[in-house]
Amino acid sequence: MRPTRRLFAVLALFAGLALTAPAAALAQDERWLHVRVDASDGQGEKVRINLPLSLAEKVLPAIHTHELRGGRLRIHHRGLHEVDIRAIVEALKTTRDGEFLTVESEKENVRVAKQGGYLRVEVRGKNGTTVDATVPMAVVEALLDTEDPNELNVAAALRALAAHGDIVIVDVREQKESVRVWVDTRSTQD
């Protein structure tokens, strides 16, 4: 689960741009995206990113990689054409809350549910690894706000996150590494 160099490069770009953000972007009610990565393997690597969502939304179209262009992330997966993700999300949006999937195995237990307008995924590994992901359904819908079934609209998802309250989106804990991604109104991680 180690972050790739490409991820670090993009995150470093965002962090650098955040340092040059105008004072207006630092308004009190501004939503901030925070990323914290801690590695306790021999290198003790730490990454901290605090980025105003409004800045991320403005900068995103300036990034042109093979996968990311114009604020949209291109997905390359063979089985993607066989599943109508939009129809599934629409069905999830209109169905009542519930637990939709549980998997119990020798290696891990997985739970996928819809609760109070959120899509929730929990993984409990037998080795102590935990993964908790909580995504507002409005953000899931915004990700799919594109005509191309092979794209995710990251810019729209950022706008939806900015309209949402404080939330921990991802929290991953492993023996030698932890990753946390959340949104709140604070410009620091203190």
C-alpha atoms as a PDB file:
ATOM      1  CA  MET A   1       0.000   0.000   0.000  1.00  0.00           C
ATOM      2  CA  ARG A   2       3.038   2.225  -0.351  1.00  0.00           C
ATOM      3  CA  PRO A   3       2.324   5.505  -2.195  1.00  0.00           C
ATOM      4  CA  THR A   4       3.868   5.652  -5.649  1.00  0.00           C
ATOM      5  CA  ARG A   5       6.334   8.275  -6.803  1.00  0.00           C
ATOM      6  CA  ARG A   6       3.711   9.668  -9.174  1.00  0.00           C
ATOM      7  CA  LEU A   7       1.310  10.182  -6.264  1.00  0.00           C
ATOM      8  CA  PHE A   8       4.045  11.932  -4.298  1.00  0.00           C
ATOM      9  CA  ALA A   9       4.813  14.186  -7.276  1.00  0.00           C
ATOM     10  CA  VAL A  10       1.171  15.212  -7.695  1.00  0.00           C
ATOM     11  CA  LEU A  11       0.705  15.689  -3.955  1.00  0.00           C
ATOM     12  CA  ALA A  12       3.928  17.711  -3.734  1.00  0.00           C
ATOM     13  CA  LEU A  13       2.665  19.923  -6.562  1.00  0.00           C
ATOM     14  CA  PHE A  14      -0.598  20.496  -4.702  1.00  0.00           C
ATOM     15  CA  ALA A  15       1.261  21.186  -1.456  1.00  0.00           C
ATOM     16  CA  GLY A  16       3.547  23.689  -3.174  1.00  0.00           C
ATOM     17  CA  LEU A  17       0.610  25.443  -4.770  1.00  0.00           C
ATOM     18  CA  ALA A  18      -1.218  25.535  -1.447  1.00  0.00           C
ATOM     19  CA  LEU A  19       1.683  27.500   0.023  1.00  0.00           C
ATOM     20  CA  THR A  20       1.205  30.180  -2.624  1.00  0.00           C
ATOM     21  CA  ALA A  21      -2.588  30.365  -2.318  1.00  0.00           C
ATOM     22  CA  PRO A  22      -4.028  33.870  -2.027  1.00  0.00           C
ATOM     23  CA  ALA A  23      -5.413  34.973   1.334  1.00  0.00           C
ATOM     24  CA  ALA A  24      -8.984  34.800  -0.015  1.00  0.00           C
ATOM     25  CA  ALA A  25      -8.599  31.049  -0.393  1.00  0.00           C
ATOM     26  CA  LEU A  26      -7.794  30.820   3.295  1.00  0.00           C
ATOM     27  CA  ALA A  27     -11.238  31.962   4.394  1.00  0.00           C
ATOM     28  CA  GLN A  28     -12.549  30.580   7.674  1.00  0.00           C
ATOM     29  CA  ASP A  29     -15.221  28.371   6.094  1.00  0.00           C
ATOM     30  CA  GLU A  30     -12.900  27.016   3.403  1.00  0.00           C
ATOM     31  CA  ARG A  31     -12.841  23.208   3.273  1.00  0.00           C
ATOM     32  CA  TRP A  32      -9.383  21.627   3.406  1.00  0.00           C
ATOM     33  CA  LEU A  33      -8.301  18.231   2.171  1.00  0.00           C
ATOM     34  CA  HIS A  34      -5.749  16.597   4.470  1.00  0.00           C
ATOM     35  CA  VAL A  35      -3.558  13.595   3.728  1.00  0.00           C
ATOM     36  CA  ARG A  36      -1.302  11.993   6.307  1.00  0.00           C
ATOM     37  CA  VAL A  37       0.987   9.052   5.539  1.00  0.00           C
ATOM     38  CA  ASP A  38       3.226   7.590   8.242  1.00  0.00           C
ATOM     39  CA  ALA A  39       5.593   4.713   7.643  1.00  0.00           C
ATOM     40  CA  SER A  40       7.275   3.019  10.570  1.00  0.00           C
ATOM     41  CA  ASP A  41       9.470   0.741   8.502  1.00  0.00           C
ATOM     42  CA  GLY A  42      13.174   1.517   8.853  1.00  0.00           C
ATOM     43  CA  GLN A  43      12.868   4.784   6.880  1.00  0.00           C
ATOM     44  CA  GLY A  44      10.157   6.451   8.988  1.00  0.00           C
ATOM     45  CA  GLU A  45       8.750   8.310   5.988  1.00  0.00           C
ATOM     46  CA  LYS A  46       6.064  10.925   6.727  1.00  0.00           C
ATOM     47  CA  VAL A  47       3.888  12.902   4.317  1.00  0.00           C
ATOM     48  CA  ARG A  48       1.562  15.727   5.345  1.00  0.00           C
ATOM     49  CA  ILE A  49      -0.637  17.563   2.864  1.00  0.00           C
ATOM     50  CA  ASN A  50      -3.108  20.319   3.695  1.00  0.00           C
ATOM     51  CA  LEU A  51      -4.836  21.665   0.616  1.00  0.00           C
ATOM     52  CA  PRO A  52      -7.810  23.997   0.221  1.00  0.00           C
ATOM     53  CA  LEU A  53     -10.417  22.154  -1.872  1.00  0.00           C
ATOM     54  CA  SER A  54     -11.043  25.304  -3.912  1.00  0.00           C
ATOM     55  CA  LEU A  55      -7.365  25.414  -4.868  1.00  0.00           C
ATOM     56  CA  ALA A  56      -7.328  21.716  -5.720  1.00  0.00           C
ATOM     57  CA  GLU A  57     -10.354  22.206  -7.969  1.00  0.00           C
ATOM     58  CA  LYS A  58      -8.645  25.086  -9.792  1.00  0.00           C
ATOM     59  CA  VAL A  59      -5.281  23.331 -10.139  1.00  0.00           C
ATOM     60  CA  LEU A  60      -6.651  19.934 -11.165  1.00  0.00           C
ATOM     61  CA  PRO A  61      -7.321  20.948 -14.805  1.00  0.00           C
ATOM     62  CA  ALA A  62      -3.652  22.000 -15.110  1.00  0.00           C
ATOM     63  CA  ILE A  63      -2.462  18.426 -14.519  1.00  0.00           C
ATOM     64  CA  HIS A  64      -2.066  16.450 -17.736  1.00  0.00           C
ATOM     65  CA  THR A  65      -0.922  12.896 -17.232  1.00  0.00           C
ATOM     66  CA  HIS A  66      -1.916   9.802 -19.157  1.00  0.00           C
ATOM     67  CA  GLU A  67      -4.655   9.067 -16.599  1.00  0.00           C
ATOM     68  CA  LEU A  68      -5.651  12.570 -15.430  1.00  0.00           C
ATOM     69  CA  ARG A  69      -6.787  15.307 -17.822  1.00  0.00           C
ATOM     70  CA  GLY A  70      -9.179  18.220 -17.396  1.00  0.00           C
ATOM     71  CA  GLY A  71     -10.091  17.183 -13.856  1.00  0.00           C
ATOM     72  CA  ARG A  72     -11.120  13.714 -15.000  1.00  0.00           C
ATOM     73  CA  LEU A  73      -9.399  10.458 -14.131  1.00  0.00           C
ATOM     74  CA  ARG A  74      -9.269   7.829 -16.867  1.00  0.00           C
ATOM     75  CA  ILE A  75      -9.832   4.277 -15.634  1.00  0.00           C
ATOM     76  CA  HIS A  76      -8.199   1.378 -17.442  1.00  0.00           C
ATOM     77  CA  HIS A  77      -9.936  -1.803 -16.421  1.00  0.00           C
ATOM     78  CA  ARG A  78     -11.010  -4.580 -18.741  1.00  0.00           C
ATOM     79  CA  GLY A  79     -14.187  -5.516 -16.859  1.00  0.00           C
ATOM     80  CA  LEU A  80     -15.440  -1.933 -16.655  1.00  0.00           C
ATOM     81  CA  HIS A  81     -17.464  -2.279 -19.870  1.00  0.00           C
ATOM     82  CA  GLU A  82     -19.348  -5.244 -18.422  1.00  0.00           C
ATOM     83  CA  VAL A  83     -20.835  -3.325 -15.477  1.00  0.00           C
ATOM     84  CA  ASP A  84     -23.048  -0.236 -15.617  1.00  0.00           C
ATOM     85  CA  ILE A  85     -21.653   1.557 -12.576  1.00  0.00           C
ATOM     86  CA  ARG A  86     -24.008   4.501 -13.021  1.00  0.00           C
ATOM     87  CA  ALA A  87     -27.063   2.247 -12.835  1.00  0.00           C
ATOM     88  CA  ILE A  88     -25.664   0.627  -9.696  1.00  0.00           C
ATOM     89  CA  VAL A  89     -25.021   4.010  -8.047  1.00  0.00           C
ATOM     90  CA  GLU A  90     -28.515   5.215  -9.006  1.00  0.00           C
ATOM     91  CA  ALA A  91     -29.987   2.074  -7.444  1.00  0.00           C
ATOM     92  CA  LEU A  92     -27.874   2.588  -4.307  1.00  0.00           C
ATOM     93  CA  LYS A  93     -28.970   6.211  -4.077  1.00  0.00           C
ATOM     94  CA  THR A  94     -32.643   5.321  -4.090  1.00  0.00           C
ATOM     95  CA  THR A  95     -32.496   2.247  -1.881  1.00  0.00           C
ATOM     96  CA  ARG A  96     -32.783   2.367   1.874  1.00  0.00           C
ATOM     97  CA  ASP A  97     -29.805   1.947   4.162  1.00  0.00           C
ATOM     98  CA  GLY A  98     -28.442  -1.515   4.666  1.00  0.00           C
ATOM     99  CA  GLU A  99     -25.498  -3.869   4.656  1.00  0.00           C
ATOM    100  CA  PHE A 100     -24.988  -5.065   1.086  1.00  0.00           C
ATOM    101  CA  LEU A 101     -21.906  -7.229   1.217  1.00  0.00           C
ATOM    102  CA  THR A 102     -20.008  -9.116   3.859  1.00  0.00           C
ATOM    103  CA  VAL A 103     -17.113 -11.423   3.211  1.00  0.00           C
ATOM    104  CA  GLU A 104     -15.440 -13.432   5.931  1.00  0.00           C
ATOM    105  CA  SER A 105     -12.263 -15.278   5.047  1.00  0.00           C
ATOM    106  CA  GLU A 106      -9.114 -16.543   6.685  1.00  0.00           C
ATOM    107  CA  LYS A 107      -7.281 -13.344   5.706  1.00  0.00           C
ATOM    108  CA  GLU A 108      -9.887 -10.612   6.237  1.00  0.00           C
ATOM    109  CA  ASN A 109     -13.460  -9.587   6.863  1.00  0.00           C
ATOM    110  CA  VAL A 110     -15.073  -7.074   4.509  1.00  0.00           C
ATOM    111  CA  ARG A 111     -18.288  -5.103   4.932  1.00  0.00           C
ATOM    112  CA  VAL A 112     -19.934  -2.764   2.391  1.00  0.00           C
ATOM    113  CA  ALA A 113     -22.996  -0.780   3.432  1.00  0.00           C
ATOM    114  CA  LYS A 114     -25.026   2.342   2.828  1.00  0.00           C
ATOM    115  CA  GLN A 115     -25.731   4.292   6.000  1.00  0.00           C
ATOM    116  CA  GLY A 116     -27.189   7.774   6.359  1.00  0.00           C
ATOM    117  CA  GLY A 117     -26.266   8.943   2.857  1.00  0.00           C
ATOM    118  CA  TYR A 118     -22.780   7.413   2.943  1.00  0.00           C
ATOM    119  CA  LEU A 119     -21.212   4.468   1.172  1.00  0.00           C
ATOM    120  CA  ARG A 120     -19.081   2.678   3.779  1.00  0.00           C
ATOM    121  CA  VAL A 121     -16.411   0.027   3.314  1.00  0.00           C
ATOM    122  CA  GLU A 122     -14.715  -1.680   6.248  1.00  0.00           C
ATOM    123  CA  VAL A 123     -11.918  -4.225   6.016  1.00  0.00           C
ATOM    124  CA  ARG A 124     -10.518  -6.014   9.041  1.00  0.00           C
ATOM    125  CA  GLY A 125      -7.426  -8.052   8.258  1.00  0.00           C
ATOM    126  CA  LYS A 126      -6.441 -10.958  10.455  1.00  0.00           C
ATOM    127  CA  ASN A 127      -2.925  -9.435  10.539  1.00  0.00           C
ATOM    128  CA  GLY A 128      -4.266  -6.299  12.256  1.00  0.00           C
ATOM    129  CA  THR A 129      -4.759  -4.235   9.102  1.00  0.00           C
ATOM    130  CA  THR A 130      -7.856  -2.039   9.137  1.00  0.00           C
ATOM    131  CA  VAL A 131      -9.379  -0.033   6.314  1.00  0.00           C
ATOM    132  CA  ASP A 132     -12.321   2.314   6.813  1.00  0.00           C
ATOM    133  CA  ALA A 133     -13.646   4.281   3.847  1.00  0.00           C
ATOM    134  CA  THR A 134     -16.651   6.594   4.121  1.00  0.00           C
ATOM    135  CA  VAL A 135     -17.802   8.456   1.030  1.00  0.00           C
ATOM    136  CA  PRO A 136     -20.895  10.659   0.849  1.00  0.00           C
ATOM    137  CA  MET A 137     -23.263   9.407  -1.849  1.00  0.00           C
ATOM    138  CA  ALA A 138     -23.220  12.945  -3.315  1.00  0.00           C
ATOM    139  CA  VAL A 139     -19.467  12.552  -3.899  1.00  0.00           C
ATOM    140  CA  VAL A 140     -19.947   9.120  -5.493  1.00  0.00           C
ATOM    141  CA  GLU A 141     -22.564  10.618  -7.822  1.00  0.00           C
ATOM    142  CA  ALA A 142     -20.274  13.551  -8.652  1.00  0.00           C
ATOM    143  CA  LEU A 143     -17.436  11.167  -9.550  1.00  0.00           C
ATOM    144  CA  LEU A 144     -19.720   9.600 -12.139  1.00  0.00           C
ATOM    145  CA  ASP A 145     -20.863  12.954 -13.568  1.00  0.00           C
ATOM    146  CA  THR A 146     -19.280  12.346 -16.962  1.00  0.00           C
ATOM    147  CA  GLU A 147     -20.463  10.974 -20.292  1.00  0.00           C
ATOM    148  CA  ASP A 148     -17.505   8.584 -20.613  1.00  0.00           C
ATOM    149  CA  PRO A 149     -18.001   5.379 -18.591  1.00  0.00           C
ATOM    150  CA  ASN A 150     -14.205   5.040 -18.339  1.00  0.00           C
ATOM    151  CA  GLU A 151     -13.747   8.339 -16.483  1.00  0.00           C
ATOM    152  CA  LEU A 152     -14.232   9.685 -12.984  1.00  0.00           C
ATOM    153  CA  ASN A 153     -14.982  13.387 -12.595  1.00  0.00           C
ATOM    154  CA  VAL A 154     -12.535  14.267  -9.812  1.00  0.00           C
ATOM    155  CA  ALA A 155     -13.219  18.013 -10.093  1.00  0.00           C
ATOM    156  CA  ALA A 156     -16.957  17.462  -9.505  1.00  0.00           C
ATOM    157  CA  ALA A 157     -16.164  15.180  -6.554  1.00  0.00           C
ATOM    158  CA  LEU A 158     -14.006  17.930  -5.006  1.00  0.00           C
ATOM    159  CA  ARG A 159     -16.902  20.392  -5.359  1.00  0.00           C
ATOM    160  CA  ALA A 160     -19.234  17.892  -3.676  1.00  0.00           C
ATOM    161  CA  LEU A 161     -16.717  17.380  -0.853  1.00  0.00           C
ATOM    162  CA  ALA A 162     -16.420  21.143  -0.391  1.00  0.00           C
ATOM    163  CA  ALA A 163     -20.181  21.316   0.138  1.00  0.00           C
ATOM    164  CA  HIS A 164     -20.043  18.531   2.739  1.00  0.00           C
ATOM    165  CA  GLY A 165     -19.197  18.812   6.428  1.00  0.00           C
ATOM    166  CA  ASP A 166     -16.142  17.434   8.201  1.00  0.00           C
ATOM    167  CA  ILE A 167     -15.446  13.830   7.256  1.00  0.00           C
ATOM    168  CA  VAL A 168     -12.732  11.176   7.448  1.00  0.00           C
ATOM    169  CA  ILE A 169     -12.804   9.632   3.980  1.00  0.00           C
ATOM    170  CA  VAL A 170     -10.121   6.966   4.336  1.00  0.00           C
ATOM    171  CA  ASP A 171      -8.317   5.596   7.370  1.00  0.00           C
ATOM    172  CA  VAL A 172      -5.883   2.724   6.783  1.00  0.00           C
ATOM    173  CA  ARG A 173      -3.760   1.184   9.495  1.00  0.00           C
ATOM    174  CA  GLU A 174      -1.186  -1.511   8.886  1.00  0.00           C
ATOM    175  CA  GLN A 175       1.691  -2.786  10.974  1.00  0.00           C
ATOM    176  CA  LYS A 176       4.241  -0.517   9.316  1.00  0.00           C
ATOM    177  CA  GLU A 177       2.127   2.182   7.712  1.00  0.00           C
ATOM    178  CA  SER A 178      -0.940   4.343   8.198  1.00  0.00           C
ATOM    179  CA  VAL A 179      -2.795   6.550   5.740  1.00  0.00           C
ATOM    180  CA  ARG A 180      -5.533   9.010   6.621  1.00  0.00           C
ATOM    181  CA  VAL A 181      -7.480  11.301   4.271  1.00  0.00           C
ATOM    182  CA  TRP A 182     -10.054  13.748   5.631  1.00  0.00           C
ATOM    183  CA  VAL A 183     -11.764  17.088   5.030  1.00  0.00           C
ATOM    184  CA  ASP A 184     -12.417  19.859   7.552  1.00  0.00           C
ATOM    185  CA  THR A 185     -12.124  23.636   7.914  1.00  0.00           C
ATOM    186  CA  ARG A 186      -8.683  23.647   9.524  1.00  0.00           C
ATOM    187  CA  SER A 187      -5.599  24.566   7.502  1.00  0.00           C
ATOM    188  CA  THR A 188      -3.351  22.343   9.640  1.00  0.00           C
ATOM    189  CA  GLN A 189      -3.432  18.794  10.898  1.00  0.00           C
ATOM    190  CA  ASP A 190      -3.052  19.740  14.566  1.00  0.00           C
END
